[in-house]
N, C-alpha and C. Protein backbone atom coordinates (compact mmCIF):
# COMPACT_ATOMS: atom_id res chain seq x y z
N MET A 1 -8.57 -31.50 78.74
CA MET A 1 -9.23 -31.40 77.45
C MET A 1 -8.24 -31.08 76.33
N GLU A 2 -7.34 -30.17 76.62
CA GLU A 2 -6.37 -29.77 75.61
C GLU A 2 -5.54 -30.96 75.15
N LYS A 3 -5.23 -31.88 76.09
CA LYS A 3 -4.44 -33.06 75.74
C LYS A 3 -5.18 -33.92 74.73
N GLU A 4 -6.50 -34.04 74.88
CA GLU A 4 -7.29 -34.84 73.94
C GLU A 4 -7.16 -34.28 72.52
N LEU A 5 -7.19 -32.99 72.40
CA LEU A 5 -7.03 -32.36 71.09
C LEU A 5 -5.63 -32.62 70.54
N LEU A 6 -4.62 -32.45 71.36
CA LEU A 6 -3.24 -32.66 70.90
C LEU A 6 -2.98 -34.11 70.52
N ILE A 7 -3.54 -35.04 71.27
CA ILE A 7 -3.38 -36.46 70.96
C ILE A 7 -3.98 -36.79 69.60
N ASN A 8 -5.06 -36.14 69.27
CA ASN A 8 -5.77 -36.41 68.02
C ASN A 8 -5.49 -35.38 66.92
N LEU A 9 -4.40 -34.69 67.03
CA LEU A 9 -4.07 -33.62 66.07
C LEU A 9 -4.02 -34.12 64.62
N GLU A 10 -3.58 -35.36 64.43
CA GLU A 10 -3.49 -35.91 63.07
C GLU A 10 -4.87 -36.11 62.43
N LYS A 11 -5.92 -36.15 63.24
CA LYS A 11 -7.29 -36.31 62.72
C LYS A 11 -7.88 -35.00 62.25
N LEU A 12 -7.19 -33.89 62.53
CA LEU A 12 -7.70 -32.58 62.19
C LEU A 12 -7.88 -32.45 60.67
N HIS A 13 -9.03 -31.96 60.25
CA HIS A 13 -9.32 -31.79 58.83
C HIS A 13 -10.39 -30.71 58.68
N THR A 14 -10.68 -30.36 57.45
CA THR A 14 -11.76 -29.43 57.16
C THR A 14 -12.29 -29.72 55.76
N THR A 15 -13.30 -29.00 55.37
CA THR A 15 -13.90 -29.16 54.04
C THR A 15 -13.23 -28.20 53.06
N LYS A 16 -13.55 -28.35 51.79
CA LYS A 16 -13.02 -27.42 50.78
C LYS A 16 -13.49 -26.00 51.07
N LEU A 17 -14.76 -25.87 51.46
CA LEU A 17 -15.26 -24.53 51.80
C LEU A 17 -14.61 -24.02 53.09
N GLY A 18 -14.28 -24.93 54.00
CA GLY A 18 -13.59 -24.55 55.23
C GLY A 18 -12.22 -23.96 54.93
N ILE A 19 -11.51 -24.56 54.00
CA ILE A 19 -10.19 -24.05 53.61
C ILE A 19 -10.32 -22.63 53.06
N ILE A 20 -11.29 -22.43 52.20
CA ILE A 20 -11.51 -21.10 51.61
C ILE A 20 -11.85 -20.09 52.71
N ARG A 21 -12.73 -20.47 53.63
CA ARG A 21 -13.16 -19.58 54.71
C ARG A 21 -11.99 -19.23 55.63
N ILE A 22 -11.18 -20.22 56.00
CA ILE A 22 -10.04 -19.98 56.89
C ILE A 22 -9.02 -19.06 56.21
N LYS A 23 -8.71 -19.35 54.95
CA LYS A 23 -7.76 -18.49 54.22
C LYS A 23 -8.25 -17.05 54.17
N LYS A 24 -9.53 -16.89 53.89
CA LYS A 24 -10.10 -15.54 53.78
C LYS A 24 -10.09 -14.83 55.14
N ASN A 25 -10.58 -15.51 56.19
CA ASN A 25 -10.71 -14.89 57.50
C ASN A 25 -9.37 -14.54 58.14
N LEU A 26 -8.34 -15.34 57.87
CA LEU A 26 -7.03 -15.11 58.49
C LEU A 26 -6.01 -14.54 57.51
N CYS A 27 -6.44 -14.22 56.31
CA CYS A 27 -5.53 -13.68 55.28
C CYS A 27 -4.34 -14.61 55.06
N LEU A 28 -4.63 -15.88 54.81
CA LEU A 28 -3.59 -16.90 54.64
C LEU A 28 -3.43 -17.32 53.17
N ASN A 29 -3.61 -16.40 52.26
CA ASN A 29 -3.53 -16.74 50.84
C ASN A 29 -2.17 -17.28 50.43
N ASP A 30 -1.11 -16.95 51.19
CA ASP A 30 0.24 -17.42 50.87
C ASP A 30 0.47 -18.85 51.34
N TYR A 31 -0.45 -19.41 52.12
CA TYR A 31 -0.29 -20.76 52.66
C TYR A 31 -1.10 -21.75 51.84
N GLU A 32 -0.42 -22.74 51.31
CA GLU A 32 -1.09 -23.77 50.51
C GLU A 32 -1.88 -24.72 51.40
N ASP A 33 -1.28 -25.12 52.53
CA ASP A 33 -1.90 -26.12 53.40
C ASP A 33 -2.32 -25.48 54.72
N VAL A 34 -3.55 -25.00 54.77
CA VAL A 34 -4.03 -24.32 55.98
C VAL A 34 -4.26 -25.30 57.13
N ILE A 35 -4.50 -26.56 56.82
CA ILE A 35 -4.66 -27.55 57.89
C ILE A 35 -3.34 -27.71 58.64
N GLU A 36 -2.24 -27.81 57.92
CA GLU A 36 -0.93 -27.90 58.58
C GLU A 36 -0.63 -26.63 59.36
N TRP A 37 -1.02 -25.48 58.82
CA TRP A 37 -0.82 -24.21 59.53
C TRP A 37 -1.57 -24.24 60.85
N CYS A 38 -2.83 -24.70 60.82
CA CYS A 38 -3.64 -24.79 62.04
C CYS A 38 -3.02 -25.78 63.04
N LYS A 39 -2.54 -26.91 62.56
CA LYS A 39 -1.91 -27.91 63.43
C LYS A 39 -0.69 -27.32 64.14
N ARG A 40 0.14 -26.59 63.38
CA ARG A 40 1.32 -25.95 63.98
C ARG A 40 0.92 -24.96 65.05
N LYS A 41 -0.10 -24.16 64.77
CA LYS A 41 -0.54 -23.16 65.74
C LYS A 41 -1.13 -23.82 66.98
N ILE A 42 -1.93 -24.86 66.80
CA ILE A 42 -2.53 -25.56 67.94
C ILE A 42 -1.45 -26.25 68.78
N SER A 43 -0.35 -26.65 68.17
CA SER A 43 0.74 -27.31 68.88
C SER A 43 1.58 -26.35 69.72
N GLN A 44 1.44 -25.05 69.52
CA GLN A 44 2.22 -24.08 70.27
C GLN A 44 1.91 -24.17 71.76
N LYS A 45 2.85 -23.73 72.55
CA LYS A 45 2.66 -23.76 74.01
C LYS A 45 1.79 -22.63 74.51
N LYS A 46 1.81 -21.51 73.83
CA LYS A 46 1.07 -20.34 74.32
C LYS A 46 -0.28 -20.22 73.63
N ILE A 47 -1.14 -21.21 73.89
CA ILE A 47 -2.50 -21.16 73.36
C ILE A 47 -3.47 -21.31 74.52
N ASN A 48 -4.68 -20.90 74.30
CA ASN A 48 -5.74 -21.06 75.29
C ASN A 48 -6.83 -21.91 74.64
N THR A 49 -7.09 -23.09 75.21
CA THR A 49 -8.08 -24.00 74.66
C THR A 49 -9.25 -24.12 75.61
N VAL A 50 -10.45 -23.87 75.08
CA VAL A 50 -11.68 -23.96 75.88
C VAL A 50 -12.65 -24.83 75.11
N ARG A 51 -13.29 -25.74 75.82
CA ARG A 51 -14.35 -26.53 75.18
C ARG A 51 -15.70 -26.03 75.68
N LYS A 52 -16.53 -25.65 74.73
CA LYS A 52 -17.91 -25.23 75.03
C LYS A 52 -18.83 -26.10 74.20
N GLY A 53 -19.58 -26.97 74.87
CA GLY A 53 -20.47 -27.86 74.15
C GLY A 53 -19.71 -28.80 73.25
N LYS A 54 -20.05 -28.79 71.97
CA LYS A 54 -19.44 -29.72 71.03
C LYS A 54 -18.19 -29.19 70.35
N ASN A 55 -17.76 -27.97 70.68
CA ASN A 55 -16.61 -27.36 70.00
C ASN A 55 -15.49 -26.98 70.95
N TRP A 56 -14.28 -27.01 70.40
CA TRP A 56 -13.12 -26.43 71.05
C TRP A 56 -12.87 -25.07 70.41
N TYR A 57 -12.47 -24.13 71.24
CA TYR A 57 -12.08 -22.80 70.77
C TYR A 57 -10.63 -22.61 71.18
N ILE A 58 -9.75 -22.54 70.19
CA ILE A 58 -8.32 -22.42 70.44
C ILE A 58 -7.90 -21.00 70.11
N SER A 59 -7.44 -20.28 71.14
CA SER A 59 -7.03 -18.88 70.97
C SER A 59 -5.51 -18.77 71.05
N PHE A 60 -4.95 -17.96 70.17
CA PHE A 60 -3.51 -17.67 70.18
C PHE A 60 -3.32 -16.37 69.42
N ASP A 61 -2.28 -15.67 69.76
CA ASP A 61 -2.00 -14.38 69.12
C ASP A 61 -3.31 -13.59 69.02
N ASP A 62 -3.77 -13.28 67.82
CA ASP A 62 -5.04 -12.56 67.67
C ASP A 62 -6.05 -13.40 66.89
N CYS A 63 -5.92 -14.74 66.98
CA CYS A 63 -6.79 -15.65 66.22
C CYS A 63 -7.54 -16.62 67.12
N ILE A 64 -8.65 -17.12 66.59
CA ILE A 64 -9.42 -18.18 67.25
C ILE A 64 -9.76 -19.22 66.18
N ILE A 65 -9.42 -20.48 66.49
CA ILE A 65 -9.78 -21.60 65.62
C ILE A 65 -10.89 -22.37 66.32
N THR A 66 -11.96 -22.68 65.60
CA THR A 66 -13.07 -23.46 66.14
C THR A 66 -13.02 -24.86 65.55
N VAL A 67 -12.97 -25.87 66.44
CA VAL A 67 -12.85 -27.27 66.01
C VAL A 67 -13.97 -28.07 66.64
N ASN A 68 -14.66 -28.90 65.85
CA ASN A 68 -15.66 -29.80 66.39
C ASN A 68 -14.94 -30.88 67.20
N ALA A 69 -15.36 -31.06 68.45
CA ALA A 69 -14.68 -31.95 69.38
C ALA A 69 -14.87 -33.43 69.05
N CYS A 70 -15.93 -33.77 68.34
CA CYS A 70 -16.19 -35.18 68.02
C CYS A 70 -15.52 -35.61 66.72
N SER A 71 -15.61 -34.77 65.71
CA SER A 71 -15.10 -35.14 64.38
C SER A 71 -13.72 -34.57 64.07
N PHE A 72 -13.23 -33.64 64.91
CA PHE A 72 -11.96 -32.96 64.69
C PHE A 72 -11.94 -32.16 63.39
N THR A 73 -13.11 -31.66 63.02
CA THR A 73 -13.23 -30.81 61.84
C THR A 73 -13.01 -29.36 62.23
N ILE A 74 -12.12 -28.68 61.51
CA ILE A 74 -11.95 -27.25 61.72
C ILE A 74 -13.16 -26.58 61.07
N ILE A 75 -13.97 -25.97 61.90
CA ILE A 75 -15.20 -25.34 61.41
C ILE A 75 -14.89 -23.99 60.80
N THR A 76 -14.14 -23.20 61.55
CA THR A 76 -13.77 -21.87 61.07
C THR A 76 -12.57 -21.38 61.86
N ALA A 77 -12.03 -20.29 61.42
CA ALA A 77 -10.97 -19.58 62.13
C ALA A 77 -11.14 -18.11 61.79
N HIS A 78 -10.90 -17.27 62.76
CA HIS A 78 -11.05 -15.85 62.50
C HIS A 78 -10.19 -15.03 63.46
N LYS A 79 -10.04 -13.78 63.11
CA LYS A 79 -9.32 -12.84 63.98
C LYS A 79 -10.20 -12.48 65.16
N LYS A 80 -9.58 -12.28 66.31
CA LYS A 80 -10.34 -11.85 67.49
C LYS A 80 -10.89 -10.46 67.26
N LYS A 81 -12.08 -10.26 67.75
CA LYS A 81 -12.71 -8.94 67.67
C LYS A 81 -12.54 -8.27 69.03
N TYR A 82 -12.00 -7.08 69.01
CA TYR A 82 -11.77 -6.33 70.24
C TYR A 82 -12.83 -5.27 70.41
N LYS A 83 -13.34 -5.20 71.62
CA LYS A 83 -14.36 -4.19 71.91
C LYS A 83 -13.68 -2.84 72.14
N SER A 84 -14.30 -1.78 71.64
CA SER A 84 -13.71 -0.45 71.81
C SER A 84 -14.17 0.18 73.08
């Protein structure tokens, strides 16, 4: 499954509101192109990719990116929540 995502990495996109949401959730205000940032992170070797239903969940460091598996739209990205 992960290979399918990597093969189609150039199709990755999001909406204007998606860009705002990703920047806010991951504190990426210094990054102009969050789509390229997400592509670089997804291309890393130390990621965990899981497909649940229609979405991929890509985990790395302390972040999770959610991508629609059919349209390759980045739905959201956020910091992992740790249980106390």
